[in-house]
């Protein structure tokens, strides 16, 4: 059974930074895609960033490009989301998810393609 566990959320002032972690148990991330999504209060869940574990390619939503960075640690089987220059609009519950076939156009945006999801971690940014 695959489990994804997010951590690293919290309360931070605007302009601050946080690093989220997504640790996988049960099976390695190798050959999978990993995505970060977020759901703000009253809004739909939206794509934030994604990584093709084997190829190392990364993708970002326009709203976070240049501020967020997704990375991985092979030894720890963990994916990170470094979030800098945080804004109040980044306040949301952040989820990581695993995608079995990270190929094709815009695979990372298709939430239905992800087969495992974490429970989420709250990020709150105060002004």
N, C-alpha and C. Protein backbone atom coordinates (compact mmCIF):
# COMPACT_ATOMS: atom_id res chain seq x y z
N UNK A 1 0.84 -1.19 0.00
CA UNK A 1 0.00 0.00 0.00
C UNK A 1 0.88 1.24 0.00
N UNK A 2 0.62 2.14 -0.91
CA UNK A 2 1.39 3.38 -1.02
C UNK A 2 0.78 4.43 -0.12
N UNK A 3 1.62 5.10 0.62
CA UNK A 3 1.18 6.24 1.43
C UNK A 3 2.06 7.43 1.14
N UNK A 4 1.42 8.57 0.98
CA UNK A 4 2.13 9.83 0.81
C UNK A 4 1.84 10.70 2.02
N UNK A 5 2.88 11.25 2.61
CA UNK A 5 2.72 12.06 3.81
C UNK A 5 3.39 13.41 3.59
N UNK A 6 2.58 14.46 3.63
CA UNK A 6 3.12 15.81 3.50
C UNK A 6 3.46 16.37 4.87
N UNK A 7 4.43 17.25 4.89
CA UNK A 7 4.79 17.96 6.12
C UNK A 7 5.44 19.27 5.74
N UNK A 8 5.60 20.14 6.74
CA UNK A 8 6.29 21.39 6.51
C UNK A 8 5.40 22.62 6.43
N UNK A 9 4.11 22.41 6.47
CA UNK A 9 3.22 23.56 6.43
C UNK A 9 3.28 24.36 7.71
N UNK A 10 2.63 25.53 7.68
CA UNK A 10 2.61 26.37 8.87
C UNK A 10 2.13 27.77 8.54
N UNK A 11 2.35 28.65 9.49
CA UNK A 11 1.95 30.05 9.36
C UNK A 11 3.21 30.89 9.13
N UNK A 12 3.18 31.72 8.12
CA UNK A 12 4.35 32.55 7.79
C UNK A 12 3.86 33.91 7.32
N UNK A 13 4.68 34.91 7.51
CA UNK A 13 4.33 36.25 7.04
C UNK A 13 4.60 36.37 5.54
N UNK A 14 3.90 37.29 4.92
CA UNK A 14 4.12 37.55 3.49
C UNK A 14 5.59 37.86 3.25
N UNK A 15 6.11 37.28 2.18
CA UNK A 15 7.53 37.44 1.87
C UNK A 15 8.41 36.34 2.43
N UNK A 16 7.84 35.54 3.31
CA UNK A 16 8.59 34.46 3.93
C UNK A 16 8.66 33.22 3.08
N UNK A 17 9.26 32.18 3.64
CA UNK A 17 9.49 30.93 2.93
C UNK A 17 9.07 29.73 3.76
N UNK A 18 8.70 28.67 3.08
CA UNK A 18 8.43 27.38 3.69
C UNK A 18 8.91 26.31 2.73
N UNK A 19 9.26 25.16 3.28
CA UNK A 19 9.57 24.02 2.44
C UNK A 19 8.67 22.85 2.83
N UNK A 20 7.88 22.42 1.89
CA UNK A 20 7.01 21.27 2.09
C UNK A 20 7.73 20.00 1.66
N UNK A 21 7.42 18.91 2.35
CA UNK A 21 7.98 17.61 2.01
C UNK A 21 6.85 16.63 1.72
N UNK A 22 7.12 15.72 0.81
CA UNK A 22 6.18 14.65 0.49
C UNK A 22 6.97 13.36 0.50
N UNK A 23 6.77 12.58 1.54
CA UNK A 23 7.49 11.32 1.69
C UNK A 23 6.60 10.16 1.29
N UNK A 24 7.17 9.24 0.53
CA UNK A 24 6.40 8.09 0.06
C UNK A 24 6.84 6.83 0.79
N UNK A 25 5.89 6.04 1.18
CA UNK A 25 6.19 4.73 1.75
C UNK A 25 5.46 3.67 0.94
N UNK A 26 5.98 2.48 0.94
CA UNK A 26 5.33 1.39 0.22
C UNK A 26 5.92 1.15 -1.15
N UNK A 27 6.35 2.20 -1.82
CA UNK A 27 6.96 2.03 -3.13
C UNK A 27 7.70 3.30 -3.50
N UNK A 28 8.80 3.13 -4.20
CA UNK A 28 9.60 4.28 -4.61
C UNK A 28 8.85 5.14 -5.60
N UNK A 29 9.25 6.40 -5.70
CA UNK A 29 8.71 7.32 -6.70
C UNK A 29 9.29 7.05 -8.10
N UNK A 30 10.29 6.19 -8.19
CA UNK A 30 10.94 5.96 -9.49
C UNK A 30 9.94 5.61 -10.58
N UNK A 31 10.10 6.26 -11.74
CA UNK A 31 9.25 6.04 -12.91
C UNK A 31 7.85 6.65 -12.77
N UNK A 32 7.62 7.38 -11.71
CA UNK A 32 6.33 8.04 -11.52
C UNK A 32 6.47 9.55 -11.65
N UNK A 33 5.35 10.20 -11.76
CA UNK A 33 5.31 11.64 -11.67
C UNK A 33 4.79 12.03 -10.29
N UNK A 34 5.21 13.16 -9.82
CA UNK A 34 4.75 13.66 -8.52
C UNK A 34 4.29 15.09 -8.72
N UNK A 35 3.10 15.35 -8.23
CA UNK A 35 2.55 16.70 -8.37
C UNK A 35 2.22 17.30 -7.02
N UNK A 36 2.28 18.62 -6.97
CA UNK A 36 1.78 19.37 -5.83
C UNK A 36 0.54 20.15 -6.29
N UNK A 37 -0.49 20.10 -5.49
CA UNK A 37 -1.72 20.83 -5.74
C UNK A 37 -2.08 21.59 -4.47
N UNK A 38 -3.00 22.53 -4.62
CA UNK A 38 -3.46 23.25 -3.44
C UNK A 38 -4.93 23.59 -3.58
N UNK A 39 -5.57 23.69 -2.43
CA UNK A 39 -6.97 24.10 -2.41
C UNK A 39 -7.13 25.23 -1.40
N UNK A 40 -7.43 26.39 -1.92
CA UNK A 40 -7.67 27.56 -1.08
C UNK A 40 -9.11 27.56 -0.60
N UNK A 41 -9.41 28.24 0.50
CA UNK A 41 -10.78 28.27 1.01
C UNK A 41 -11.77 28.74 -0.05
N UNK A 42 -12.80 27.96 -0.27
CA UNK A 42 -13.83 28.33 -1.21
C UNK A 42 -13.47 28.17 -2.66
N UNK A 43 -12.33 27.55 -2.94
CA UNK A 43 -11.89 27.41 -4.33
C UNK A 43 -11.65 25.95 -4.68
N UNK A 44 -11.56 25.70 -5.98
CA UNK A 44 -11.25 24.36 -6.45
C UNK A 44 -9.77 24.06 -6.22
N UNK A 45 -9.47 22.78 -6.12
CA UNK A 45 -8.07 22.37 -6.03
C UNK A 45 -7.38 22.68 -7.36
N UNK A 46 -6.16 23.21 -7.28
CA UNK A 46 -5.46 23.62 -8.48
C UNK A 46 -4.03 23.10 -8.49
N UNK A 47 -3.52 22.97 -9.69
CA UNK A 47 -2.15 22.52 -9.90
C UNK A 47 -1.16 23.59 -9.45
N UNK A 48 -0.06 23.13 -8.83
CA UNK A 48 0.99 24.04 -8.41
C UNK A 48 2.31 23.71 -9.12
N UNK A 49 2.76 22.47 -9.01
CA UNK A 49 4.04 22.08 -9.59
C UNK A 49 4.08 20.57 -9.76
N UNK A 50 4.95 20.10 -10.64
CA UNK A 50 5.07 18.67 -10.87
C UNK A 50 6.48 18.33 -11.30
N UNK A 51 6.78 17.04 -11.10
CA UNK A 51 8.12 16.54 -11.38
C UNK A 51 8.00 15.16 -11.98
N UNK A 52 8.74 14.92 -13.07
CA UNK A 52 8.91 13.56 -13.59
C UNK A 52 10.13 13.00 -12.88
N UNK A 53 9.92 12.02 -12.01
CA UNK A 53 10.99 11.55 -11.13
C UNK A 53 12.19 11.06 -11.91
N UNK A 54 11.97 10.26 -12.94
CA UNK A 54 13.09 9.66 -13.66
C UNK A 54 13.79 10.67 -14.57
N UNK A 55 13.03 11.47 -15.29
CA UNK A 55 13.63 12.41 -16.24
C UNK A 55 14.09 13.69 -15.58
N UNK A 56 13.47 14.02 -14.45
CA UNK A 56 13.84 15.24 -13.75
C UNK A 56 13.18 16.50 -14.25
N UNK A 57 12.31 16.37 -15.27
CA UNK A 57 11.61 17.56 -15.78
C UNK A 57 10.67 18.11 -14.72
N UNK A 58 10.49 19.42 -14.75
CA UNK A 58 9.60 20.08 -13.80
C UNK A 58 8.65 21.03 -14.53
N UNK A 59 7.50 21.24 -13.92
CA UNK A 59 6.49 22.15 -14.47
C UNK A 59 5.89 22.96 -13.32
N UNK A 60 5.45 24.17 -13.64
CA UNK A 60 4.91 25.05 -12.62
C UNK A 60 3.68 25.79 -13.14
N UNK A 61 2.79 26.09 -12.22
CA UNK A 61 1.69 27.00 -12.54
C UNK A 61 2.27 28.40 -12.70
N UNK A 62 1.68 29.18 -13.56
CA UNK A 62 2.17 30.53 -13.80
C UNK A 62 2.20 31.35 -12.51
N UNK A 63 1.25 31.09 -11.62
CA UNK A 63 1.12 31.88 -10.39
C UNK A 63 2.28 31.67 -9.43
N UNK A 64 3.03 30.59 -9.59
CA UNK A 64 4.13 30.30 -8.65
C UNK A 64 5.48 30.28 -9.33
N UNK A 65 5.49 30.38 -10.64
CA UNK A 65 6.75 30.31 -11.38
C UNK A 65 7.71 31.40 -10.91
N UNK A 66 8.94 31.02 -10.64
CA UNK A 66 9.93 31.96 -10.16
C UNK A 66 9.96 32.10 -8.65
N UNK A 67 8.94 31.60 -7.96
CA UNK A 67 8.90 31.68 -6.50
C UNK A 67 8.99 30.30 -5.85
N UNK A 68 8.42 29.29 -6.49
CA UNK A 68 8.40 27.93 -5.95
C UNK A 68 9.36 27.06 -6.74
N UNK A 69 9.89 26.04 -6.09
CA UNK A 69 10.77 25.09 -6.76
C UNK A 69 10.49 23.69 -6.25
N UNK A 70 10.28 22.77 -7.16
CA UNK A 70 10.06 21.37 -6.81
C UNK A 70 11.36 20.62 -7.01
N UNK A 71 11.67 19.72 -6.08
CA UNK A 71 12.91 18.95 -6.18
C UNK A 71 12.70 17.59 -5.52
N UNK A 72 13.71 16.74 -5.62
CA UNK A 72 13.58 15.40 -5.06
C UNK A 72 14.86 14.97 -4.38
N UNK A 73 14.70 14.02 -3.48
CA UNK A 73 15.84 13.36 -2.83
C UNK A 73 15.68 11.87 -3.06
N UNK A 74 16.52 11.32 -3.93
CA UNK A 74 16.38 9.91 -4.29
C UNK A 74 16.53 9.00 -3.07
N UNK A 75 17.51 9.30 -2.26
CA UNK A 75 17.80 8.43 -1.12
C UNK A 75 16.65 8.40 -0.11
N UNK A 76 15.98 9.53 0.02
CA UNK A 76 14.89 9.61 1.00
C UNK A 76 13.53 9.35 0.38
N UNK A 77 13.49 9.15 -0.95
CA UNK A 77 12.22 8.93 -1.63
C UNK A 77 11.22 10.03 -1.27
N UNK A 78 11.68 11.26 -1.37
CA UNK A 78 10.92 12.41 -0.92
C UNK A 78 10.97 13.50 -1.99
N UNK A 79 9.86 14.17 -2.15
CA UNK A 79 9.76 15.32 -3.04
C UNK A 79 9.53 16.57 -2.18
N UNK A 80 10.17 17.65 -2.55
CA UNK A 80 10.06 18.89 -1.81
C UNK A 80 9.41 19.98 -2.66
N UNK A 81 8.80 20.92 -1.99
CA UNK A 81 8.31 22.13 -2.63
C UNK A 81 8.83 23.30 -1.82
N UNK A 82 9.85 23.95 -2.35
CA UNK A 82 10.40 25.14 -1.72
C UNK A 82 9.56 26.34 -2.15
N UNK A 83 9.01 27.03 -1.19
CA UNK A 83 8.13 28.16 -1.49
C UNK A 83 8.74 29.43 -0.93
N UNK A 84 9.10 30.34 -1.82
CA UNK A 84 9.69 31.62 -1.42
C UNK A 84 8.77 32.76 -1.80
N UNK A 85 9.04 33.91 -1.22
CA UNK A 85 8.25 35.12 -1.52
C UNK A 85 6.75 34.83 -1.41
N UNK A 86 6.38 34.19 -0.34
CA UNK A 86 4.99 33.78 -0.17
C UNK A 86 4.06 34.99 -0.07
N UNK A 87 2.86 34.80 -0.61
CA UNK A 87 1.84 35.84 -0.61
C UNK A 87 0.61 35.33 0.11
N UNK A 88 -0.24 36.23 0.60
CA UNK A 88 -1.48 35.76 1.22
C UNK A 88 -2.31 34.88 0.30
N UNK A 89 -2.23 35.12 -0.99
CA UNK A 89 -2.94 34.32 -1.96
C UNK A 89 -2.44 32.90 -2.08
N UNK A 90 -1.31 32.58 -1.46
CA UNK A 90 -0.79 31.21 -1.45
C UNK A 90 -1.39 30.38 -0.32
N UNK A 91 -2.17 31.04 0.53
CA UNK A 91 -2.81 30.32 1.64
C UNK A 91 -3.71 29.22 1.10
N UNK A 92 -3.47 28.00 1.54
CA UNK A 92 -4.23 26.85 1.04
C UNK A 92 -3.77 25.59 1.77
N UNK A 93 -4.52 24.54 1.56
CA UNK A 93 -4.04 23.21 1.93
C UNK A 93 -3.30 22.65 0.72
N UNK A 94 -2.10 22.20 0.95
CA UNK A 94 -1.24 21.70 -0.12
C UNK A 94 -1.19 20.18 -0.07
N UNK A 95 -1.36 19.58 -1.24
CA UNK A 95 -1.39 18.13 -1.37
C UNK A 95 -0.31 17.68 -2.35
N UNK A 96 0.29 16.54 -2.06
CA UNK A 96 1.12 15.91 -3.07
C UNK A 96 0.40 14.67 -3.58
N UNK A 97 0.76 14.26 -4.79
CA UNK A 97 0.09 13.12 -5.41
C UNK A 97 1.05 12.43 -6.36
N UNK A 98 0.80 11.16 -6.59
CA UNK A 98 1.65 10.36 -7.48
C UNK A 98 0.89 9.99 -8.75
N UNK A 99 1.57 10.16 -9.87
CA UNK A 99 0.98 9.88 -11.18
C UNK A 99 1.72 8.70 -11.81
N UNK A 100 1.01 7.67 -12.26
CA UNK A 100 1.68 6.47 -12.76
C UNK A 100 2.31 6.60 -14.14
N UNK A 101 1.84 7.52 -14.96
CA UNK A 101 2.33 7.61 -16.33
C UNK A 101 2.62 9.08 -16.66
N UNK A 102 3.77 9.57 -16.25
CA UNK A 102 4.08 11.00 -16.42
C UNK A 102 4.60 11.34 -17.81
N UNK A 103 3.82 11.02 -18.83
CA UNK A 103 4.21 11.34 -20.20
C UNK A 103 3.02 11.96 -20.90
N UNK A 104 3.29 12.59 -22.04
CA UNK A 104 2.22 13.20 -22.81
C UNK A 104 2.03 14.65 -22.42
N UNK A 105 1.25 15.32 -23.22
CA UNK A 105 1.04 16.74 -23.03
C UNK A 105 0.19 17.02 -21.81
N UNK A 106 0.70 17.85 -20.96
CA UNK A 106 -0.03 18.34 -19.79
C UNK A 106 -0.51 17.22 -18.87
N UNK A 107 0.22 16.11 -18.79
CA UNK A 107 -0.18 15.00 -17.91
C UNK A 107 -0.32 15.49 -16.47
N UNK A 108 0.53 16.45 -16.12
CA UNK A 108 0.64 16.87 -14.74
C UNK A 108 -0.58 17.67 -14.28
N UNK A 109 -1.33 18.21 -15.20
CA UNK A 109 -2.50 19.02 -14.82
C UNK A 109 -3.76 18.19 -14.63
N UNK A 110 -3.74 16.96 -15.11
CA UNK A 110 -4.93 16.11 -15.04
C UNK A 110 -5.01 15.45 -13.67
N UNK A 111 -5.81 16.02 -12.79
CA UNK A 111 -5.90 15.50 -11.42
C UNK A 111 -6.44 14.08 -11.40
N UNK A 112 -7.26 13.74 -12.35
CA UNK A 112 -7.83 12.39 -12.38
C UNK A 112 -6.78 11.33 -12.70
N UNK A 113 -5.64 11.77 -13.23
CA UNK A 113 -4.58 10.81 -13.56
C UNK A 113 -3.74 10.41 -12.37
N UNK A 114 -3.84 11.11 -11.28
CA UNK A 114 -3.07 10.80 -10.08
C UNK A 114 -3.79 9.72 -9.28
N UNK A 115 -3.04 8.72 -8.86
CA UNK A 115 -3.68 7.57 -8.21
C UNK A 115 -3.53 7.55 -6.70
N UNK A 116 -2.56 8.26 -6.18
CA UNK A 116 -2.38 8.33 -4.73
C UNK A 116 -2.21 9.79 -4.31
N UNK A 117 -2.87 10.13 -3.21
CA UNK A 117 -2.84 11.50 -2.69
C UNK A 117 -2.47 11.47 -1.22
N UNK A 118 -1.77 12.51 -0.79
CA UNK A 118 -1.52 12.68 0.62
C UNK A 118 -2.71 13.34 1.29
N UNK A 119 -2.59 13.53 2.60
CA UNK A 119 -3.70 14.08 3.38
C UNK A 119 -3.72 15.60 3.37
N UNK A 120 -2.62 16.21 2.95
CA UNK A 120 -2.55 17.65 2.86
C UNK A 120 -1.89 18.29 4.06
N UNK A 121 -1.30 19.45 3.83
CA UNK A 121 -0.70 20.24 4.90
C UNK A 121 -1.08 21.69 4.71
N UNK A 122 -1.45 22.34 5.79
CA UNK A 122 -1.97 23.72 5.73
C UNK A 122 -0.81 24.72 5.64
N UNK A 123 -0.93 25.62 4.70
CA UNK A 123 -0.02 26.75 4.58
C UNK A 123 -0.84 28.02 4.71
N UNK A 124 -0.48 28.86 5.66
CA UNK A 124 -1.19 30.12 5.88
C UNK A 124 -0.18 31.26 5.81
N UNK A 125 -0.49 32.24 4.98
CA UNK A 125 0.40 33.38 4.79
C UNK A 125 -0.33 34.64 5.24
N UNK A 126 0.21 35.31 6.23
CA UNK A 126 -0.41 36.53 6.75
C UNK A 126 0.18 37.76 6.07
N UNK A 127 -0.65 38.80 5.98
CA UNK A 127 -0.20 40.02 5.31
C UNK A 127 0.47 40.97 6.27
